[in-house]
C-alpha atoms as a PDB file:
ATOM      1  CA  MET A   1       0.000   0.000   0.000  1.00  0.00           C
ATOM      2  CA  LEU A   2       1.456   3.350  -1.018  1.00  0.00           C
ATOM      3  CA  ARG A   3       0.462   6.803   0.217  1.00  0.00           C
ATOM      4  CA  ILE A   4       2.231   9.487  -1.799  1.00  0.00           C
ATOM      5  CA  LYS A   5       2.033  13.215  -1.108  1.00  0.00           C
ATOM      6  CA  PRO A   6       0.584  15.565  -3.731  1.00  0.00           C
ATOM      7  CA  GLY A   7       3.178  16.648  -6.294  1.00  0.00           C
ATOM      8  CA  SER A   8       5.654  13.918  -5.289  1.00  0.00           C
ATOM      9  CA  ALA A   9       7.421  11.683  -7.778  1.00  0.00           C
ATOM     10  CA  ILE A  10       8.653   8.114  -7.628  1.00  0.00           C
ATOM     11  CA  PRO A  11      12.182   7.833  -9.060  1.00  0.00           C
ATOM     12  CA  THR A  12      12.511   6.601 -12.644  1.00  0.00           C
ATOM     13  CA  HIS A  13      12.477   2.813 -12.712  1.00  0.00           C
ATOM     14  CA  THR A  14      11.737  -0.291 -14.724  1.00  0.00           C
ATOM     15  CA  HIS A  15      10.527  -3.714 -13.635  1.00  0.00           C
ATOM     16  CA  THR A  16      12.202  -7.105 -13.398  1.00  0.00           C
ATOM     17  CA  GLY A  17       8.778  -8.753 -13.254  1.00  0.00           C
ATOM     18  CA  ASP A  18       5.167  -7.661 -13.258  1.00  0.00           C
ATOM     19  CA  GLU A  19       3.683  -4.789 -11.255  1.00  0.00           C
ATOM     20  CA  TYR A  20      -0.061  -4.388 -10.704  1.00  0.00           C
ATOM     21  CA  THR A  21      -1.456  -1.148  -9.269  1.00  0.00           C
ATOM     22  CA  ILE A  22      -4.999  -0.110  -8.443  1.00  0.00           C
ATOM     23  CA  LEU A  23      -5.605   3.529  -7.573  1.00  0.00           C
ATOM     24  CA  LEU A  24      -7.779   3.871  -4.497  1.00  0.00           C
ATOM     25  CA  GLU A  25      -7.609   7.663  -4.161  1.00  0.00           C
ATOM     26  CA  GLY A  26      -6.068  10.542  -6.082  1.00  0.00           C
ATOM     27  CA  SER A  27      -4.211  10.314  -9.371  1.00  0.00           C
ATOM     28  CA  PHE A  28      -0.774  10.192 -10.960  1.00  0.00           C
ATOM     29  CA  SER A  29       0.763  10.440 -14.389  1.00  0.00           C
ATOM     30  CA  ASP A  30       3.719   8.871 -16.129  1.00  0.00           C
ATOM     31  CA  GLU A  31       5.090   8.666 -19.657  1.00  0.00           C
ATOM     32  CA  SER A  32       2.082   6.600 -20.774  1.00  0.00           C
ATOM     33  CA  GLY A  33      -0.766   8.757 -19.450  1.00  0.00           C
ATOM     34  CA  ILE A  34      -2.819   9.929 -16.486  1.00  0.00           C
ATOM     35  CA  TYR A  35      -4.358   7.439 -14.051  1.00  0.00           C
ATOM     36  CA  LYS A  36      -7.254   8.205 -11.712  1.00  0.00           C
ATOM     37  CA  GLU A  37      -9.233   6.612  -8.884  1.00  0.00           C
ATOM     38  CA  GLY A  38     -10.357   3.125  -9.842  1.00  0.00           C
ATOM     39  CA  ASP A  39      -7.803   2.661 -12.633  1.00  0.00           C
ATOM     40  CA  PHE A  40      -5.852  -0.590 -12.832  1.00  0.00           C
ATOM     41  CA  VAL A  41      -2.303  -0.237 -14.193  1.00  0.00           C
ATOM     42  CA  VAL A  42      -0.012  -3.098 -15.274  1.00  0.00           C
ATOM     43  CA  ARG A  43       3.723  -2.636 -15.887  1.00  0.00           C
ATOM     44  CA  ASP A  44       6.527  -5.054 -16.748  1.00  0.00           C
ATOM     45  CA  GLY A  45      10.143  -4.997 -17.966  1.00  0.00           C
ATOM     46  CA  ARG A  46       9.156  -3.218 -21.174  1.00  0.00           C
ATOM     47  CA  HIS A  47       8.103  -0.145 -19.184  1.00  0.00           C
ATOM     48  CA  LYS A  48      10.419   2.517 -17.826  1.00  0.00           C
ATOM     49  CA  HIS A  49       8.524   5.255 -16.028  1.00  0.00           C
ATOM     50  CA  ARG A  50       8.536   8.011 -13.438  1.00  0.00           C
ATOM     51  CA  PRO A  51       5.136   8.265 -11.732  1.00  0.00           C
ATOM     52  CA  VAL A  52       4.244  11.795 -10.558  1.00  0.00           C
ATOM     53  CA  VAL A  53       1.292  12.421  -8.243  1.00  0.00           C
ATOM     54  CA  THR A  54      -1.003  15.298  -9.204  1.00  0.00           C
ATOM     55  CA  LYS A  55      -0.755  18.368  -6.993  1.00  0.00           C
ATOM     56  CA  ASP A  56      -4.386  18.454  -5.885  1.00  0.00           C
ATOM     57  CA  LYS A  57      -4.660  15.345  -3.692  1.00  0.00           C
ATOM     58  CA  VAL A  58      -2.717  12.574  -1.959  1.00  0.00           C
ATOM     59  CA  CYS A  59      -2.410   9.373  -4.012  1.00  0.00           C
ATOM     60  CA  ILE A  60      -3.224   6.075  -2.317  1.00  0.00           C
ATOM     61  CA  CYS A  61      -2.714   2.900  -4.280  1.00  0.00           C
ATOM     62  CA  LEU A  62      -2.272  -0.794  -3.758  1.00  0.00           C
ATOM     63  CA  THR A  63       0.727  -2.105  -5.692  1.00  0.00           C
ATOM     64  CA  VAL A  64       1.762  -5.740  -6.003  1.00  0.00           C
ATOM     65  CA  THR A  65       4.979  -6.918  -7.666  1.00  0.00           C
ATOM     66  CA  ASP A  66       6.288 -10.404  -8.328  1.00  0.00           C
ATOM     67  CA  ALA A  67       9.890  -9.182  -8.596  1.00  0.00           C
ATOM     68  CA  PRO A  68      11.766  -6.066  -7.483  1.00  0.00           C
ATOM     69  CA  ILE A  69      11.731  -2.813  -9.387  1.00  0.00           C
ATOM     70  CA  GLU A  70      15.012  -1.502 -10.766  1.00  0.00           C
ATOM     71  CA  PHE A  71      15.855   2.175 -10.422  1.00  0.00           C
ATOM     72  CA  THR A  72      17.419   3.642 -13.563  1.00  0.00           C
ATOM     73  CA  GLY A  73      18.227   7.184 -12.450  1.00  0.00           C
ATOM     74  CA  PHE A  74      21.798   8.349 -11.886  1.00  0.00           C
ATOM     75  CA  PHE A  75      21.372   8.906  -8.125  1.00  0.00           C
ATOM     76  CA  THR A  76      18.995   6.040  -7.314  1.00  0.00           C
ATOM     77  CA  ARG A  77      20.684   3.091  -9.070  1.00  0.00           C
ATOM     78  CA  TRP A  78      22.834   2.416  -5.991  1.00  0.00           C
ATOM     79  CA  LEU A  79      19.650   1.262  -4.179  1.00  0.00           C
ATOM     80  CA  ASN A  80      19.045  -1.683  -6.557  1.00  0.00           C
ATOM     81  CA  PRO A  81      21.148  -4.299  -4.682  1.00  0.00           C
ATOM     82  CA  PHE A  82      19.275  -3.496  -1.452  1.00  0.00           C
ATOM     83  CA  ILE A  83      15.882  -3.739  -3.152  1.00  0.00           C
ATOM     84  CA  ARG A  84      16.716  -7.099  -4.724  1.00  0.00           C
ATOM     85  CA  ARG A  85      18.005  -8.474  -1.425  1.00  0.00           C
ATOM     86  CA  GLY A  86      14.926  -7.266   0.481  1.00  0.00           C
ATOM     87  CA  HIS A  87      12.518  -8.678  -2.081  1.00  0.00           C
ATOM     88  CA  LEU A  88      14.160 -12.100  -2.017  1.00  0.00           C
ATOM     89  CA  ALA A  89      13.971 -12.229   1.787  1.00  0.00           C
ATOM     90  CA  HIS A  90      10.170 -12.284   1.724  1.00  0.00           C
END
């Protein structure tokens, strides 16, 4: 479950598996469009995106992944080994 402040962005990333997201409240946009309450979004390794929450309302969504995400930005790539290790521990 994610609760993201209005105007905030998730760092640019891709996926090493599948990611399923349902928006429960608010909205966000990425390179593929704008997503609103009730939308169901599916991403996989073919998608590289940077979700940005709209400035008008907090975004609450339920996100499920079957493999870790992989950050692709210059400053966030160093987190990838920690994400992979944490995901495998579950």
